[in-house]
Amino acid sequence: MILRVMTFGSLKFHDPDYSCGMATIAIDGQSPEALQQHLHSRQKVRTGQIDWEDVQGIRISPHIYNTTDELDRLVEGIRKMSH
């Protein structure tokens, strides 16, 4: 999944070397709140907002999704917001 979404131009991972079962991502020009709302309302994917001193984005936990369809919805939602 990470390899698929890393091709989206405006997407950035916060500390990808430390990503594992969870990752924090941001999309240039999108607030964490807007990204979280889009993924929930349109893709039915839940995420957590992160807004700390130097990290703003959403926390995704792909290890909790059970089906390929759920992962595909997550990736599609990220793709839509990053273009």
C-alpha atoms as a PDB file:
ATOM      1  CA  MET A   1       0.000   0.000   0.000  1.00  0.00           C
ATOM      2  CA  ILE A   2       2.754   2.457   0.899  1.00  0.00           C
ATOM      3  CA  LEU A   3       4.437   1.948  -2.470  1.00  0.00           C
ATOM      4  CA  ARG A   4       1.159   2.723  -4.261  1.00  0.00           C
ATOM      5  CA  VAL A   5       0.483   5.970  -2.416  1.00  0.00           C
ATOM      6  CA  MET A   6       4.093   7.183  -2.527  1.00  0.00           C
ATOM      7  CA  THR A   7       3.585   7.823  -6.258  1.00  0.00           C
ATOM      8  CA  PHE A   8       1.022  10.544  -5.487  1.00  0.00           C
ATOM      9  CA  GLY A   9       2.916  13.805  -6.026  1.00  0.00           C
ATOM     10  CA  SER A  10       1.677  15.988  -3.171  1.00  0.00           C
ATOM     11  CA  LEU A  11       1.696  13.259  -0.519  1.00  0.00           C
ATOM     12  CA  LYS A  12       4.367  13.115   2.142  1.00  0.00           C
ATOM     13  CA  PHE A  13       5.056  10.582   4.854  1.00  0.00           C
ATOM     14  CA  HIS A  14       6.328  11.829   8.180  1.00  0.00           C
ATOM     15  CA  ASP A  15       9.421   9.769   9.023  1.00  0.00           C
ATOM     16  CA  PRO A  16       8.786   6.841   6.611  1.00  0.00           C
ATOM     17  CA  ASP A  17      11.758   5.005   8.107  1.00  0.00           C
ATOM     18  CA  TYR A  18       9.741   4.686  11.307  1.00  0.00           C
ATOM     19  CA  SER A  19       6.445   3.707   9.668  1.00  0.00           C
ATOM     20  CA  CYS A  20       5.174   0.238  10.388  1.00  0.00           C
ATOM     21  CA  GLY A  21       1.624  -0.733  11.258  1.00  0.00           C
ATOM     22  CA  MET A  22       0.784   2.965  11.430  1.00  0.00           C
ATOM     23  CA  ALA A  23       1.921   5.964   9.429  1.00  0.00           C
ATOM     24  CA  THR A  24       1.302   9.688   9.536  1.00  0.00           C
ATOM     25  CA  ILE A  25       0.731  11.294   6.156  1.00  0.00           C
ATOM     26  CA  ALA A  26       0.003  14.794   4.915  1.00  0.00           C
ATOM     27  CA  ILE A  27      -1.076  16.201   1.577  1.00  0.00           C
ATOM     28  CA  ASP A  28       0.192  19.615   0.513  1.00  0.00           C
ATOM     29  CA  GLY A  29      -2.597  22.170   0.629  1.00  0.00           C
ATOM     30  CA  GLN A  30      -4.965  19.951   2.626  1.00  0.00           C
ATOM     31  CA  SER A  31      -5.630  20.327   6.327  1.00  0.00           C
ATOM     32  CA  PRO A  32      -5.622  17.207   8.478  1.00  0.00           C
ATOM     33  CA  GLU A  33      -9.293  17.899   9.244  1.00  0.00           C
ATOM     34  CA  ALA A  34     -10.277  18.113   5.558  1.00  0.00           C
ATOM     35  CA  LEU A  35      -8.414  14.914   4.713  1.00  0.00           C
ATOM     36  CA  GLN A  36      -9.922  13.063   7.651  1.00  0.00           C
ATOM     37  CA  GLN A  37     -13.447  14.237   6.769  1.00  0.00           C
ATOM     38  CA  HIS A  38     -13.021  13.275   3.103  1.00  0.00           C
ATOM     39  CA  LEU A  39     -11.811   9.778   3.919  1.00  0.00           C
ATOM     40  CA  HIS A  40     -14.622   9.228   6.391  1.00  0.00           C
ATOM     41  CA  SER A  41     -17.529  10.718   4.441  1.00  0.00           C
ATOM     42  CA  ARG A  42     -16.636   9.513   0.958  1.00  0.00           C
ATOM     43  CA  GLN A  43     -14.559   6.374   1.472  1.00  0.00           C
ATOM     44  CA  LYS A  44     -15.906   5.197   4.853  1.00  0.00           C
ATOM     45  CA  VAL A  45     -12.364   5.043   6.248  1.00  0.00           C
ATOM     46  CA  ARG A  46     -11.563   6.244   9.759  1.00  0.00           C
ATOM     47  CA  THR A  47      -8.280   7.968  10.562  1.00  0.00           C
ATOM     48  CA  GLY A  48      -6.906  10.111  13.367  1.00  0.00           C
ATOM     49  CA  GLN A  49      -5.870  13.753  13.065  1.00  0.00           C
ATOM     50  CA  ILE A  50      -2.392  14.712  14.184  1.00  0.00           C
ATOM     51  CA  ASP A  51      -1.661  18.378  14.846  1.00  0.00           C
ATOM     52  CA  TRP A  52       1.451  18.648  16.968  1.00  0.00           C
ATOM     53  CA  GLU A  53       4.216  21.253  16.954  1.00  0.00           C
ATOM     54  CA  ASP A  54       5.970  20.034  13.813  1.00  0.00           C
ATOM     55  CA  VAL A  55       3.678  17.262  12.530  1.00  0.00           C
ATOM     56  CA  GLN A  56       0.330  17.894  10.898  1.00  0.00           C
ATOM     57  CA  GLY A  57      -1.452  15.106   9.058  1.00  0.00           C
ATOM     58  CA  ILE A  58      -3.546  12.038   9.578  1.00  0.00           C
ATOM     59  CA  ARG A  59      -2.584   8.775  11.164  1.00  0.00           C
ATOM     60  CA  ILE A  60      -3.450   5.758   9.086  1.00  0.00           C
ATOM     61  CA  SER A  61      -3.402   2.239  10.451  1.00  0.00           C
ATOM     62  CA  PRO A  62      -3.529  -0.081   7.439  1.00  0.00           C
ATOM     63  CA  HIS A  63      -2.913  -3.120   9.611  1.00  0.00           C
ATOM     64  CA  ILE A  64      -6.451  -2.842  11.034  1.00  0.00           C
ATOM     65  CA  TYR A  65      -8.201  -3.002   7.664  1.00  0.00           C
ATOM     66  CA  ASN A  66      -9.375  -6.524   7.015  1.00  0.00           C
ATOM     67  CA  THR A  67     -10.039  -6.665   3.301  1.00  0.00           C
ATOM     68  CA  THR A  68      -8.415  -5.614   0.061  1.00  0.00           C
ATOM     69  CA  ASP A  69     -11.530  -3.528  -0.631  1.00  0.00           C
ATOM     70  CA  GLU A  70     -10.974  -1.517   2.568  1.00  0.00           C
ATOM     71  CA  LEU A  71      -7.343  -0.858   1.642  1.00  0.00           C
ATOM     72  CA  ASP A  72      -8.379   0.079  -1.893  1.00  0.00           C
ATOM     73  CA  ARG A  73     -10.871   2.626  -0.495  1.00  0.00           C
ATOM     74  CA  LEU A  74      -8.121   4.138   1.655  1.00  0.00           C
ATOM     75  CA  VAL A  75      -5.707   4.409  -1.275  1.00  0.00           C
ATOM     76  CA  GLU A  76      -8.402   5.812  -3.591  1.00  0.00           C
ATOM     77  CA  GLY A  77      -9.356   8.467  -1.040  1.00  0.00           C
ATOM     78  CA  ILE A  78      -5.731   9.524  -0.636  1.00  0.00           C
ATOM     79  CA  ARG A  79      -5.300   9.614  -4.411  1.00  0.00           C
ATOM     80  CA  LYS A  80      -8.360  11.843  -4.868  1.00  0.00           C
ATOM     81  CA  MET A  81      -7.185  14.320  -2.247  1.00  0.00           C
ATOM     82  CA  SER A  82      -3.613  14.441  -3.554  1.00  0.00           C
ATOM     83  CA  HIS A  83      -4.494  15.511  -7.105  1.00  0.00           C
END
